[in-house]
Amino acid sequence: LTVRNMVKNRPLARAISDAGWRQFRTMLEYKADWHGRDLVVVDRWYPSSKLCSTCGASAQRMPLDVRTWTCRCGTIHDRDVNAARNILAEGLSVTACGAGVRPQRADTRTRQSASKQENPRATKGVAAL
């Protein structure tokens, strides 16, 4: 979340400022480490609200007052539920593949696609065929 931009919304500025966003993330990291889990942080520019969780099509513009929208494939989305589904899918892909679902840039270190790089923890305990 871009807190700096959210604070510009005058009616919500105080409530947003009072929330301890950095402390919240620190606690999430601490709890995940404590329980042996991985905390996956999704890219802040990932278009979770505008991306159709059914077909993957992306909406061009979506102002904040649009709470429900219909995709070209005919699926009707609640903005927040759709964003949650997309963030879950992105997090699972990062856990399984070790990188985001977006194509990697040509100047990457390994020059391999994300699907060819497996996270060792994802296959730990799985017998090799």
C-alpha atoms as a PDB file:
ATOM      1  CA  LEU A   1       0.000   0.000   0.000  1.00  0.00           C
ATOM      2  CA  THR A   2       1.144   3.501  -0.732  1.00  0.00           C
ATOM      3  CA  VAL A   3       0.380   5.178   2.569  1.00  0.00           C
ATOM      4  CA  ARG A   4       1.652   8.542   1.355  1.00  0.00           C
ATOM      5  CA  ASN A   5      -1.009   8.635  -1.352  1.00  0.00           C
ATOM      6  CA  MET A   6      -3.756   7.241   0.886  1.00  0.00           C
ATOM      7  CA  VAL A   7      -3.213  10.053   3.400  1.00  0.00           C
ATOM      8  CA  LYS A   8      -4.176  12.562   0.691  1.00  0.00           C
ATOM      9  CA  ASN A   9      -7.773  11.358   1.072  1.00  0.00           C
ATOM     10  CA  ARG A  10      -8.940  13.975   3.599  1.00  0.00           C
ATOM     11  CA  PRO A  11     -11.859  12.058   5.150  1.00  0.00           C
ATOM     12  CA  LEU A  12      -9.669   9.012   5.828  1.00  0.00           C
ATOM     13  CA  ALA A  13      -6.323  10.698   6.512  1.00  0.00           C
ATOM     14  CA  ARG A  14      -6.477  10.480  10.319  1.00  0.00           C
ATOM     15  CA  ALA A  15      -7.516   6.818  10.400  1.00  0.00           C
ATOM     16  CA  ILE A  16      -4.829   5.909   7.874  1.00  0.00           C
ATOM     17  CA  SER A  17      -2.163   7.867   9.751  1.00  0.00           C
ATOM     18  CA  ASP A  18      -3.080   6.240  13.065  1.00  0.00           C
ATOM     19  CA  ALA A  19      -2.586   2.751  11.689  1.00  0.00           C
ATOM     20  CA  GLY A  20       0.935   1.480  12.334  1.00  0.00           C
ATOM     21  CA  TRP A  21       1.639   0.012   8.896  1.00  0.00           C
ATOM     22  CA  ARG A  22       5.349  -0.632   9.418  1.00  0.00           C
ATOM     23  CA  GLN A  23       4.718  -2.149  12.838  1.00  0.00           C
ATOM     24  CA  PHE A  24       2.034  -4.377  11.338  1.00  0.00           C
ATOM     25  CA  ARG A  25       4.462  -5.715   8.730  1.00  0.00           C
ATOM     26  CA  THR A  26       7.145  -6.208  11.380  1.00  0.00           C
ATOM     27  CA  MET A  27       4.717  -8.266  13.434  1.00  0.00           C
ATOM     28  CA  LEU A  28       3.737 -10.343  10.408  1.00  0.00           C
ATOM     29  CA  GLU A  29       7.397 -11.057   9.664  1.00  0.00           C
ATOM     30  CA  TYR A  30       8.064 -11.972  13.293  1.00  0.00           C
ATOM     31  CA  LYS A  31       5.033 -14.284  13.540  1.00  0.00           C
ATOM     32  CA  ALA A  32       5.816 -15.975  10.221  1.00  0.00           C
ATOM     33  CA  ASP A  33       9.402 -16.592  11.309  1.00  0.00           C
ATOM     34  CA  TRP A  34       8.248 -17.823  14.731  1.00  0.00           C
ATOM     35  CA  HIS A  35       5.956 -20.438  13.163  1.00  0.00           C
ATOM     36  CA  GLY A  36       8.402 -21.425  10.395  1.00  0.00           C
ATOM     37  CA  ARG A  37       6.360 -19.849   7.608  1.00  0.00           C
ATOM     38  CA  ASP A  38       7.314 -17.670   4.673  1.00  0.00           C
ATOM     39  CA  LEU A  39       5.864 -14.182   4.357  1.00  0.00           C
ATOM     40  CA  VAL A  40       5.371 -13.368   0.685  1.00  0.00           C
ATOM     41  CA  VAL A  41       5.248  -9.668  -0.115  1.00  0.00           C
ATOM     42  CA  VAL A  42       3.467  -8.918  -3.375  1.00  0.00           C
ATOM     43  CA  ASP A  43       4.777  -6.134  -5.598  1.00  0.00           C
ATOM     44  CA  ARG A  44       3.109  -2.830  -4.702  1.00  0.00           C
ATOM     45  CA  TRP A  45       2.285  -2.170  -8.365  1.00  0.00           C
ATOM     46  CA  TYR A  46       0.620  -5.561  -8.895  1.00  0.00           C
ATOM     47  CA  PRO A  47      -2.834  -4.747 -10.380  1.00  0.00           C
ATOM     48  CA  SER A  48      -4.804  -6.965  -7.993  1.00  0.00           C
ATOM     49  CA  SER A  49      -8.055  -4.992  -8.232  1.00  0.00           C
ATOM     50  CA  LYS A  50      -8.013  -4.522 -12.014  1.00  0.00           C
ATOM     51  CA  LEU A  51      -7.022  -8.072 -12.980  1.00  0.00           C
ATOM     52  CA  CYS A  52      -9.813 -10.584 -13.605  1.00  0.00           C
ATOM     53  CA  SER A  53      -9.225 -13.591 -11.342  1.00  0.00           C
ATOM     54  CA  THR A  54     -11.111 -15.820 -13.795  1.00  0.00           C
ATOM     55  CA  CYS A  55      -9.584 -15.095 -17.203  1.00  0.00           C
ATOM     56  CA  GLY A  56      -6.619 -12.825 -16.384  1.00  0.00           C
ATOM     57  CA  ALA A  57      -7.772  -9.840 -18.450  1.00  0.00           C
ATOM     58  CA  SER A  58      -6.821  -6.444 -17.090  1.00  0.00           C
ATOM     59  CA  ALA A  59      -9.221  -3.492 -16.860  1.00  0.00           C
ATOM     60  CA  GLN A  60      -7.806  -0.210 -18.159  1.00  0.00           C
ATOM     61  CA  ARG A  61      -8.975   2.232 -15.495  1.00  0.00           C
ATOM     62  CA  MET A  62     -10.756   1.655 -12.241  1.00  0.00           C
ATOM     63  CA  PRO A  63     -11.452   4.617  -9.952  1.00  0.00           C
ATOM     64  CA  LEU A  64     -11.911   3.915  -6.244  1.00  0.00           C
ATOM     65  CA  ASP A  65     -15.672   4.492  -6.388  1.00  0.00           C
ATOM     66  CA  VAL A  66     -16.100   1.412  -8.610  1.00  0.00           C
ATOM     67  CA  ARG A  67     -16.818  -1.398  -6.137  1.00  0.00           C
ATOM     68  CA  THR A  68     -18.143  -4.028  -8.565  1.00  0.00           C
ATOM     69  CA  TRP A  69     -17.232  -4.511 -12.207  1.00  0.00           C
ATOM     70  CA  THR A  70     -17.918  -6.914 -15.046  1.00  0.00           C
ATOM     71  CA  CYS A  71     -15.068  -8.430 -17.031  1.00  0.00           C
ATOM     72  CA  ARG A  72     -15.087  -9.089 -20.780  1.00  0.00           C
ATOM     73  CA  CYS A  73     -15.516 -12.799 -19.976  1.00  0.00           C
ATOM     74  CA  GLY A  74     -18.816 -12.009 -18.230  1.00  0.00           C
ATOM     75  CA  THR A  75     -17.666 -12.544 -14.629  1.00  0.00           C
ATOM     76  CA  ILE A  76     -18.981  -9.990 -12.130  1.00  0.00           C
ATOM     77  CA  HIS A  77     -16.351  -9.093  -9.546  1.00  0.00           C
ATOM     78  CA  ASP A  78     -16.501  -7.454  -6.153  1.00  0.00           C
ATOM     79  CA  ARG A  79     -13.361  -5.316  -6.188  1.00  0.00           C
ATOM     80  CA  ASP A  80     -12.013  -6.428  -2.790  1.00  0.00           C
ATOM     81  CA  VAL A  81     -12.819 -10.130  -3.190  1.00  0.00           C
ATOM     82  CA  ASN A  82     -11.244 -10.152  -6.645  1.00  0.00           C
ATOM     83  CA  ALA A  83      -8.116  -8.427  -5.298  1.00  0.00           C
ATOM     84  CA  ALA A  84      -7.875 -10.991  -2.492  1.00  0.00           C
ATOM     85  CA  ARG A  85      -8.088 -13.869  -4.988  1.00  0.00           C
ATOM     86  CA  ASN A  86      -5.412 -12.324  -7.182  1.00  0.00           C
ATOM     87  CA  ILE A  87      -3.084 -11.675  -4.235  1.00  0.00           C
ATOM     88  CA  LEU A  88      -3.520 -15.262  -3.034  1.00  0.00           C
ATOM     89  CA  ALA A  89      -2.721 -16.593  -6.521  1.00  0.00           C
ATOM     90  CA  GLU A  90       0.338 -14.337  -6.778  1.00  0.00           C
ATOM     91  CA  GLY A  91       1.571 -15.426  -3.347  1.00  0.00           C
ATOM     92  CA  LEU A  92       1.117 -19.102  -4.177  1.00  0.00           C
ATOM     93  CA  SER A  93       2.990 -18.673  -7.463  1.00  0.00           C
ATOM     94  CA  VAL A  94       5.861 -16.959  -5.659  1.00  0.00           C
ATOM     95  CA  THR A  95       5.980 -19.795  -3.142  1.00  0.00           C
ATOM     96  CA  ALA A  96       5.881 -22.504  -5.805  1.00  0.00           C
ATOM     97  CA  CYS A  97       8.104 -20.935  -8.456  1.00  0.00           C
ATOM     98  CA  GLY A  98      10.333 -18.582  -6.501  1.00  0.00           C
ATOM     99  CA  ALA A  99       9.340 -15.494  -8.486  1.00  0.00           C
ATOM    100  CA  GLY A 100       6.324 -13.494  -9.551  1.00  0.00           C
ATOM    101  CA  VAL A 101       3.953 -14.400 -12.350  1.00  0.00           C
ATOM    102  CA  ARG A 102       5.109 -11.469 -14.436  1.00  0.00           C
ATOM    103  CA  PRO A 103       7.765 -12.185 -17.073  1.00  0.00           C
ATOM    104  CA  GLN A 104      11.287 -11.544 -15.869  1.00  0.00           C
ATOM    105  CA  ARG A 105      13.438  -8.867 -17.438  1.00  0.00           C
ATOM    106  CA  ALA A 106      16.211  -9.843 -19.813  1.00  0.00           C
ATOM    107  CA  ASP A 107      18.875  -8.605 -17.388  1.00  0.00           C
ATOM    108  CA  THR A 108      18.085 -11.161 -14.668  1.00  0.00           C
ATOM    109  CA  ARG A 109      20.936 -12.956 -12.991  1.00  0.00           C
ATOM    110  CA  THR A 110      19.998 -16.546 -13.899  1.00  0.00           C
ATOM    111  CA  ARG A 111      18.385 -15.854 -17.286  1.00  0.00           C
ATOM    112  CA  GLN A 112      15.822 -18.591 -16.549  1.00  0.00           C
ATOM    113  CA  SER A 113      12.090 -18.207 -16.379  1.00  0.00           C
ATOM    114  CA  ALA A 114      10.466 -18.341 -12.974  1.00  0.00           C
ATOM    115  CA  SER A 115       8.791 -21.662 -13.735  1.00  0.00           C
ATOM    116  CA  LYS A 116      12.197 -23.327 -14.098  1.00  0.00           C
ATOM    117  CA  GLN A 117      13.395 -22.147 -10.687  1.00  0.00           C
ATOM    118  CA  GLU A 118      11.881 -24.133  -7.845  1.00  0.00           C
ATOM    119  CA  ASN A 119      12.024 -23.031  -4.276  1.00  0.00           C
ATOM    120  CA  PRO A 120      13.780 -25.879  -2.362  1.00  0.00           C
ATOM    121  CA  ARG A 121      11.200 -25.644   0.425  1.00  0.00           C
ATOM    122  CA  ALA A 122       8.388 -26.243  -2.090  1.00  0.00           C
ATOM    123  CA  THR A 123       9.717 -29.701  -2.975  1.00  0.00           C
ATOM    124  CA  LYS A 124      11.187 -30.675   0.402  1.00  0.00           C
ATOM    125  CA  GLY A 125      10.070 -34.179   1.332  1.00  0.00           C
ATOM    126  CA  VAL A 126       8.767 -34.991  -2.164  1.00  0.00           C
ATOM    127  CA  ALA A 127      10.316 -38.133  -3.622  1.00  0.00           C
ATOM    128  CA  ALA A 128      12.171 -37.624  -6.883  1.00  0.00           C
ATOM    129  CA  LEU A 129      10.865 -39.548  -9.889  1.00  0.00           C
END
